[in-house]
Amino acid sequence: MAVKHLTQTEVARRWCLSPRTLERWRWLGQGPAFLKLGGRVAYRLEDVEAFEAAQTRDATSASPPAQAEMRAAVTHRQAA
């Protein structure tokens, strides 16, 4: 199956965010995993969906999981 990639603009539209927010998240090491292909940024759809799933909360006081843990889980699923 082919891997679907999204541009920064497509992810920003999907989440109703400014593309600059995604730029800032990348700089801070937050947000979904991304690919840097030459000078272009791309997001794998599966990484975007995994990031969305990791943001699910039962209460507003629940803290988000550590970014490294989320990325490790995504990497583990991909290797399986």
PDB file of N, CA and C in Angstrom:
ATOM      1  N   MET A   1       0.845  -1.175   0.000  1.00  0.00           N
ATOM      2  CA  MET A   1       0.000   0.000   0.000  1.00  0.00           C
ATOM      3  C   MET A   1       0.896   1.246   0.000  1.00  0.00           C
ATOM      4  N   ALA A   2       0.533   2.220  -0.781  1.00  0.00           N
ATOM      5  CA  ALA A   2       1.299   3.469  -0.879  1.00  0.00           C
ATOM      6  C   ALA A   2       1.094   4.323   0.380  1.00  0.00           C
ATOM      7  N   VAL A   3       2.154   4.983   0.778  1.00  0.00           N
ATOM      8  CA  VAL A   3       2.099   5.876   1.937  1.00  0.00           C
ATOM      9  C   VAL A   3       1.585   7.231   1.474  1.00  0.00           C
ATOM     10  N   LYS A   4       0.579   7.758   2.159  1.00  0.00           N
ATOM     11  CA  LYS A   4       0.014   9.064   1.832  1.00  0.00           C
ATOM     12  C   LYS A   4       0.740  10.122   2.643  1.00  0.00           C
ATOM     13  N   HIS A   5       1.149  11.183   1.959  1.00  0.00           N
ATOM     14  CA  HIS A   5       1.823  12.300   2.612  1.00  0.00           C
ATOM     15  C   HIS A   5       0.960  13.555   2.518  1.00  0.00           C
ATOM     16  N   LEU A   6       1.030  14.374   3.554  1.00  0.00           N
ATOM     17  CA  LEU A   6       0.311  15.644   3.599  1.00  0.00           C
ATOM     18  C   LEU A   6       1.318  16.778   3.695  1.00  0.00           C
ATOM     19  N   THR A   7       0.983  17.893   3.086  1.00  0.00           N
ATOM     20  CA  THR A   7       1.821  19.081   3.209  1.00  0.00           C
ATOM     21  C   THR A   7       1.498  19.785   4.521  1.00  0.00           C
ATOM     22  N   GLN A   8       2.342  20.728   4.888  1.00  0.00           N
ATOM     23  CA  GLN A   8       2.091  21.543   6.074  1.00  0.00           C
ATOM     24  C   GLN A   8       0.741  22.246   5.954  1.00  0.00           C
ATOM     25  N   THR A   9       0.442  22.760   4.783  1.00  0.00           N
ATOM     26  CA  THR A   9      -0.822  23.464   4.564  1.00  0.00           C
ATOM     27  C   THR A   9      -2.014  22.526   4.737  1.00  0.00           C
ATOM     28  N   GLU A  10      -1.893  21.300   4.247  1.00  0.00           N
ATOM     29  CA  GLU A  10      -2.997  20.337   4.381  1.00  0.00           C
ATOM     30  C   GLU A  10      -3.234  19.962   5.838  1.00  0.00           C
ATOM     31  N   VAL A  11      -2.168  19.776   6.604  1.00  0.00           N
ATOM     32  CA  VAL A  11      -2.318  19.457   8.030  1.00  0.00           C
ATOM     33  C   VAL A  11      -2.908  20.665   8.766  1.00  0.00           C
ATOM     34  N   ALA A  12      -2.437  21.850   8.442  1.00  0.00           N
ATOM     35  CA  ALA A  12      -2.971  23.064   9.077  1.00  0.00           C
ATOM     36  C   ALA A  12      -4.467  23.206   8.799  1.00  0.00           C
ATOM     37  N   ARG A  13      -4.879  22.958   7.581  1.00  0.00           N
ATOM     38  CA  ARG A  13      -6.317  23.031   7.252  1.00  0.00           C
ATOM     39  C   ARG A  13      -7.098  21.958   7.991  1.00  0.00           C
ATOM     40  N   ARG A  14      -6.534  20.755   8.051  1.00  0.00           N
ATOM     41  CA  ARG A  14      -7.198  19.630   8.727  1.00  0.00           C
ATOM     42  C   ARG A  14      -7.501  19.988  10.179  1.00  0.00           C
ATOM     43  N   TRP A  15      -6.572  20.684  10.834  1.00  0.00           N
ATOM     44  CA  TRP A  15      -6.721  21.016  12.244  1.00  0.00           C
ATOM     45  C   TRP A  15      -7.148  22.464  12.488  1.00  0.00           C
ATOM     46  N   CYS A  16      -7.444  23.206  11.438  1.00  0.00           N
ATOM     47  CA  CYS A  16      -7.847  24.617  11.564  1.00  0.00           C
ATOM     48  C   CYS A  16      -6.795  25.418  12.339  1.00  0.00           C
ATOM     49  N   LEU A  17      -5.537  25.224  11.965  1.00  0.00           N
ATOM     50  CA  LEU A  17      -4.409  25.930  12.565  1.00  0.00           C
ATOM     51  C   LEU A  17      -3.700  26.759  11.516  1.00  0.00           C
ATOM     52  N   SER A  18      -2.903  27.677  11.965  1.00  0.00           N
ATOM     53  CA  SER A  18      -2.017  28.404  11.077  1.00  0.00           C
ATOM     54  C   SER A  18      -0.843  27.501  10.712  1.00  0.00           C
ATOM     55  N   PRO A  19      -0.383  27.541   9.469  1.00  0.00           N
ATOM     56  CA  PRO A  19       0.827  26.792   9.123  1.00  0.00           C
ATOM     57  C   PRO A  19       2.020  27.196  10.001  1.00  0.00           C
ATOM     58  N   ARG A  20       2.039  28.436  10.453  1.00  0.00           N
ATOM     59  CA  ARG A  20       3.120  28.897  11.336  1.00  0.00           C
ATOM     60  C   ARG A  20       3.116  28.149  12.672  1.00  0.00           C
ATOM     61  N   THR A  21       1.928  27.718  13.124  1.00  0.00           N
ATOM     62  CA  THR A  21       1.861  26.933  14.356  1.00  0.00           C
ATOM     63  C   THR A  21       2.609  25.621  14.172  1.00  0.00           C
ATOM     64  N   LEU A  22       2.407  24.978  13.031  1.00  0.00           N
ATOM     65  CA  LEU A  22       3.126  23.731  12.756  1.00  0.00           C
ATOM     66  C   LEU A  22       4.628  23.983  12.664  1.00  0.00           C
ATOM     67  N   GLU A  23       5.015  25.109  12.085  1.00  0.00           N
ATOM     68  CA  GLU A  23       6.441  25.457  12.023  1.00  0.00           C
ATOM     69  C   GLU A  23       7.020  25.608  13.420  1.00  0.00           C
ATOM     70  N   ARG A  24       6.270  26.283  14.277  1.00  0.00           N
ATOM     71  CA  ARG A  24       6.729  26.482  15.652  1.00  0.00           C
ATOM     72  C   ARG A  24       6.796  25.140  16.379  1.00  0.00           C
ATOM     73  N   TRP A  25       5.819  24.276  16.202  1.00  0.00           N
ATOM     74  CA  TRP A  25       5.845  22.963  16.839  1.00  0.00           C
ATOM     75  C   TRP A  25       7.069  22.167  16.406  1.00  0.00           C
ATOM     76  N   ARG A  26       7.405  22.228  15.111  1.00  0.00           N
ATOM     77  CA  ARG A  26       8.592  21.508  14.637  1.00  0.00           C
ATOM     78  C   ARG A  26       9.839  22.057  15.309  1.00  0.00           C
ATOM     79  N   TRP A  27       9.944  23.361  15.416  1.00  0.00           N
ATOM     80  CA  TRP A  27      11.093  24.004  16.036  1.00  0.00           C
ATOM     81  C   TRP A  27      11.218  23.605  17.507  1.00  0.00           C
ATOM     82  N   LEU A  28      10.063  23.459  18.182  1.00  0.00           N
ATOM     83  CA  LEU A  28      10.043  23.097  19.600  1.00  0.00           C
ATOM     84  C   LEU A  28      10.099  21.587  19.826  1.00  0.00           C
ATOM     85  N   GLY A  29      10.035  20.808  18.747  1.00  0.00           N
ATOM     86  CA  GLY A  29      10.034  19.351  18.882  1.00  0.00           C
ATOM     87  C   GLY A  29       8.691  18.804  19.321  1.00  0.00           C
ATOM     88  N   GLN A  30       7.624  19.526  19.008  1.00  0.00           N
ATOM     89  CA  GLN A  30       6.266  19.110  19.363  1.00  0.00           C
ATOM     90  C   GLN A  30       5.528  18.704  18.093  1.00  0.00           C
ATOM     91  N   GLY A  31       4.303  18.257  18.258  1.00  0.00           N
ATOM     92  CA  GLY A  31       3.484  17.922  17.103  1.00  0.00           C
ATOM     93  C   GLY A  31       3.848  16.573  16.520  1.00  0.00           C
ATOM     94  N   PRO A  32       3.231  16.243  15.393  1.00  0.00           N
ATOM     95  CA  PRO A  32       3.472  14.933  14.786  1.00  0.00           C
ATOM     96  C   PRO A  32       4.858  14.841  14.152  1.00  0.00           C
ATOM     97  N   ALA A  33       5.317  13.621  13.987  1.00  0.00           N
ATOM     98  CA  ALA A  33       6.581  13.384  13.285  1.00  0.00           C
ATOM     99  C   ALA A  33       6.438  13.914  11.861  1.00  0.00           C
ATOM    100  N   PHE A  34       7.548  14.358  11.285  1.00  0.00           N
ATOM    101  CA  PHE A  34       7.518  14.911   9.931  1.00  0.00           C
ATOM    102  C   PHE A  34       8.756  14.472   9.176  1.00  0.00           C
ATOM    103  N   LEU A  35       8.694  14.621   7.879  1.00  0.00           N
ATOM    104  CA  LEU A  35       9.819  14.321   7.003  1.00  0.00           C
ATOM    105  C   LEU A  35      10.336  15.621   6.435  1.00  0.00           C
ATOM    106  N   LYS A  36      11.627  15.719   6.300  1.00  0.00           N
ATOM    107  CA  LYS A  36      12.236  16.878   5.651  1.00  0.00           C
ATOM    108  C   LYS A  36      12.864  16.344   4.371  1.00  0.00           C
ATOM    109  N   LEU A  37      12.281  16.688   3.244  1.00  0.00           N
ATOM    110  CA  LEU A  37      12.722  16.194   1.946  1.00  0.00           C
ATOM    111  C   LEU A  37      13.272  17.366   1.160  1.00  0.00           C
ATOM    112  N   GLY A  38      14.598  17.493   1.173  1.00  0.00           N
ATOM    113  CA  GLY A  38      15.189  18.690   0.584  1.00  0.00           C
ATOM    114  C   GLY A  38      14.777  19.859   1.456  1.00  0.00           C
ATOM    115  N   GLY A  39      14.167  20.855   0.872  1.00  0.00           N
ATOM    116  CA  GLY A  39      13.686  22.001   1.635  1.00  0.00           C
ATOM    117  C   GLY A  39      12.211  21.908   1.971  1.00  0.00           C
ATOM    118  N   ARG A  40      11.585  20.773   1.665  1.00  0.00           N
ATOM    119  CA  ARG A  40      10.142  20.634   1.870  1.00  0.00           C
ATOM    120  C   ARG A  40       9.838  19.778   3.080  1.00  0.00           C
ATOM    121  N   VAL A  41       8.733  20.081   3.726  1.00  0.00           N
ATOM    122  CA  VAL A  41       8.266  19.324   4.883  1.00  0.00           C
ATOM    123  C   VAL A  41       7.046  18.527   4.451  1.00  0.00           C
ATOM    124  N   ALA A  42       6.991  17.271   4.879  1.00  0.00           N
ATOM    125  CA  ALA A  42       5.841  16.418   4.606  1.00  0.00           C
ATOM    126  C   ALA A  42       5.500  15.651   5.875  1.00  0.00           C
ATOM    127  N   TYR A  43       4.238  15.351   6.024  1.00  0.00           N
ATOM    128  CA  TYR A  43       3.751  14.565   7.150  1.00  0.00           C
ATOM    129  C   TYR A  43       3.107  13.301   6.600  1.00  0.00           C
ATOM    130  N   ARG A  44       3.496  12.140   7.135  1.00  0.00           N
ATOM    131  CA  ARG A  44       2.821  10.897   6.747  1.00  0.00           C
ATOM    132  C   ARG A  44       1.448  10.898   7.399  1.00  0.00           C
ATOM    133  N   LEU A  45       0.433  10.525   6.637  1.00  0.00           N
ATOM    134  CA  LEU A  45      -0.933  10.497   7.150  1.00  0.00           C
ATOM    135  C   LEU A  45      -1.014   9.632   8.405  1.00  0.00           C
ATOM    136  N   GLU A  46      -0.324   8.498   8.432  1.00  0.00           N
ATOM    137  CA  GLU A  46      -0.383   7.620   9.601  1.00  0.00           C
ATOM    138  C   GLU A  46       0.202   8.300  10.841  1.00  0.00           C
ATOM    139  N   ASP A  47       1.222   9.152  10.674  1.00  0.00           N
ATOM    140  CA  ASP A  47       1.783   9.882  11.810  1.00  0.00           C
ATOM    141  C   ASP A  47       0.816  10.953  12.303  1.00  0.00           C
ATOM    142  N   VAL A  48       0.134  11.613  11.379  1.00  0.00           N
ATOM    143  CA  VAL A  48      -0.866  12.624  11.743  1.00  0.00           C
ATOM    144  C   VAL A  48      -2.007  11.964  12.512  1.00  0.00           C
ATOM    145  N   GLU A  49      -2.487  10.826  12.006  1.00  0.00           N
ATOM    146  CA  GLU A  49      -3.581  10.127  12.679  1.00  0.00           C
ATOM    147  C   GLU A  49      -3.152   9.592  14.045  1.00  0.00           C
ATOM    148  N   ALA A  50      -1.906   9.121  14.162  1.00  0.00           N
ATOM    149  CA  ALA A  50      -1.405   8.647  15.452  1.00  0.00           C
ATOM    150  C   ALA A  50      -1.304   9.796  16.446  1.00  0.00           C
ATOM    151  N   PHE A  51      -0.855  10.957  15.978  1.00  0.00           N
ATOM    152  CA  PHE A  51      -0.770  12.128  16.843  1.00  0.00           C
ATOM    153  C   PHE A  51      -2.165  12.529  17.311  1.00  0.00           C
ATOM    154  N   GLU A  52      -3.130  12.510  16.395  1.00  0.00           N
ATOM    155  CA  GLU A  52      -4.514  12.836  16.773  1.00  0.00           C
ATOM    156  C   GLU A  52      -5.017  11.867  17.842  1.00  0.00           C
ATOM    157  N   ALA A  53      -4.774  10.569  17.646  1.00  0.00           N
ATOM    158  CA  ALA A  53      -5.231   9.565  18.606  1.00  0.00           C
ATOM    159  C   ALA A  53      -4.572   9.771  19.974  1.00  0.00           C
ATOM    160  N   ALA A  54      -3.319  10.195  19.973  1.00  0.00           N
ATOM    161  CA  ALA A  54      -2.599  10.408  21.230  1.00  0.00           C
ATOM    162  C   ALA A  54      -3.122  11.623  21.991  1.00  0.00           C
ATOM    163  N   GLN A  55      -3.879  12.483  21.324  1.00  0.00           N
ATOM    164  CA  GLN A  55      -4.395  13.688  21.975  1.00  0.00           C
ATOM    165  C   GLN A  55      -5.732  13.454  22.670  1.00  0.00           C
ATOM    166  N   THR A  56      -6.278  12.257  22.570  1.00  0.00           N
ATOM    167  CA  THR A  56      -7.561  11.929  23.191  1.00  0.00           C
ATOM    168  C   THR A  56      -7.442  12.004  24.709  1.00  0.00           C
ATOM    169  N   ARG A  57      -8.376  12.684  25.338  1.00  0.00           N
ATOM    170  CA  ARG A  57      -8.383  12.873  26.794  1.00  0.00           C
ATOM    171  C   ARG A  57      -9.747  12.509  27.361  1.00  0.00           C
ATOM    172  N   ASP A  58      -9.747  12.067  28.613  1.00  0.00           N
ATOM    173  CA  ASP A  58     -10.991  11.793  29.324  1.00  0.00           C
ATOM    174  C   ASP A  58     -11.432  12.997  30.148  1.00  0.00           C
ATOM    175  N   ALA A  59     -10.494  13.891  30.444  1.00  0.00           N
ATOM    176  CA  ALA A  59     -10.798  15.075  31.239  1.00  0.00           C
ATOM    177  C   ALA A  59      -9.840  16.188  30.835  1.00  0.00           C
ATOM    178  N   THR A  60     -10.241  17.420  31.056  1.00  0.00           N
ATOM    179  CA  THR A  60      -9.384  18.540  30.676  1.00  0.00           C
ATOM    180  C   THR A  60      -8.119  18.606  31.511  1.00  0.00           C
ATOM    181  N   SER A  61      -8.129  17.987  32.698  1.00  0.00           N
ATOM    182  CA  SER A  61      -6.946  18.018  33.555  1.00  0.00           C
ATOM    183  C   SER A  61      -5.936  16.926  33.200  1.00  0.00           C
ATOM    184  N   ALA A  62      -6.305  16.004  32.307  1.00  0.00           N
ATOM    185  CA  ALA A  62      -5.393  14.927  31.927  1.00  0.00           C
ATOM    186  C   ALA A  62      -4.227  15.503  31.133  1.00  0.00           C
ATOM    187  N   SER A  63      -3.014  15.100  31.495  1.00  0.00           N
ATOM    188  CA  SER A  63      -1.840  15.624  30.793  1.00  0.00           C
ATOM    189  C   SER A  63      -1.578  14.793  29.539  1.00  0.00           C
ATOM    190  N   PRO A  64      -1.068  15.453  28.494  1.00  0.00           N
ATOM    191  CA  PRO A  64      -0.765  14.728  27.260  1.00  0.00           C
ATOM    192  C   PRO A  64       0.424  13.804  27.468  1.00  0.00           C
ATOM    193  N   PRO A  65       0.478  12.706  26.719  1.00  0.00           N
ATOM    194  CA  PRO A  65       1.625  11.806  26.848  1.00  0.00           C
ATOM    195  C   PRO A  65       2.889  12.490  26.347  1.00  0.00           C
ATOM    196  N   ALA A  66       4.015  12.037  26.811  1.00  0.00           N
ATOM    197  CA  ALA A  66       5.291  12.606  26.378  1.00  0.00           C
ATOM    198  C   ALA A  66       5.449  12.391  24.883  1.00  0.00           C
ATOM    199  N   GLN A  67       5.958  13.405  24.202  1.00  0.00           N
ATOM    200  CA  GLN A  67       6.137  13.333  22.747  1.00  0.00           C
ATOM    201  C   GLN A  67       7.006  12.152  22.360  1.00  0.00           C
ATOM    202  N   ALA A  68       8.068  11.910  23.089  1.00  0.00           N
ATOM    203  CA  ALA A  68       8.976  10.805  22.765  1.00  0.00           C
ATOM    204  C   ALA A  68       8.253   9.471  22.874  1.00  0.00           C
ATOM    205  N   GLU A  69       7.400   9.319  23.882  1.00  0.00           N
ATOM    206  CA  GLU A  69       6.642   8.083  24.037  1.00  0.00           C
ATOM    207  C   GLU A  69       5.709   7.876  22.855  1.00  0.00           C
ATOM    208  N   MET A  70       5.036   8.934  22.404  1.00  0.00           N
ATOM    209  CA  MET A  70       4.115   8.826  21.282  1.00  0.00           C
ATOM    210  C   MET A  70       4.862   8.435  20.012  1.00  0.00           C
ATOM    211  N   ARG A  71       6.001   9.078  19.760  1.00  0.00           N
ATOM    212  CA  ARG A  71       6.775   8.754  18.559  1.00  0.00           C
ATOM    213  C   ARG A  71       7.323   7.337  18.627  1.00  0.00           C
ATOM    214  N   ALA A  72       7.729   6.891  19.823  1.00  0.00           N
ATOM    215  CA  ALA A  72       8.229   5.527  19.973  1.00  0.00           C
ATOM    216  C   ALA A  72       7.126   4.523  19.672  1.00  0.00           C
ATOM    217  N   ALA A  73       5.910   4.822  20.103  1.00  0.00           N
ATOM    218  CA  ALA A  73       4.787   3.924  19.831  1.00  0.00           C
ATOM    219  C   ALA A  73       4.506   3.848  18.339  1.00  0.00           C
ATOM    220  N   VAL A  74       4.572   4.982  17.653  1.00  0.00           N
ATOM    221  CA  VAL A  74       4.345   5.001  16.211  1.00  0.00           C
ATOM    222  C   VAL A  74       5.436   4.209  15.503  1.00  0.00           C
ATOM    223  N   THR A  75       6.682   4.403  15.906  1.00  0.00           N
ATOM    224  CA  THR A  75       7.800   3.679  15.306  1.00  0.00           C
ATOM    225  C   THR A  75       7.662   2.188  15.542  1.00  0.00           C
ATOM    226  N   HIS A  76       7.238   1.800  16.743  1.00  0.00           N
ATOM    227  CA  HIS A  76       7.065   0.386  17.070  1.00  0.00           C
ATOM    228  C   HIS A  76       5.983  -0.235  16.194  1.00  0.00           C
ATOM    229  N   ARG A  77       4.873   0.468  16.007  1.00  0.00           N
ATOM    230  CA  ARG A  77       3.790  -0.049  15.154  1.00  0.00           C
ATOM    231  C   ARG A  77       4.256  -0.202  13.722  1.00  0.00           C
ATOM    232  N   GLN A  78       5.057   0.733  13.224  1.00  0.00           N
ATOM    233  CA  GLN A  78       5.529   0.670  11.854  1.00  0.00           C
ATOM    234  C   GLN A  78       6.462  -0.517  11.648  1.00  0.00           C
ATOM    235  N   ALA A  79       7.266  -0.836  12.673  1.00  0.00           N
ATOM    236  CA  ALA A  79       8.221  -1.933  12.569  1.00  0.00           C
ATOM    237  C   ALA A  79       7.513  -3.286  12.605  1.00  0.00           C
ATOM    238  N   ALA A  80       6.351  -3.335  13.235  1.00  0.00           N
ATOM    239  CA  ALA A  80       5.615  -4.612  13.367  1.00  0.00           C
ATOM    240  C   ALA A  80       4.989  -5.054  12.069  1.00  0.00           C
TER     241      ALA A  80
END
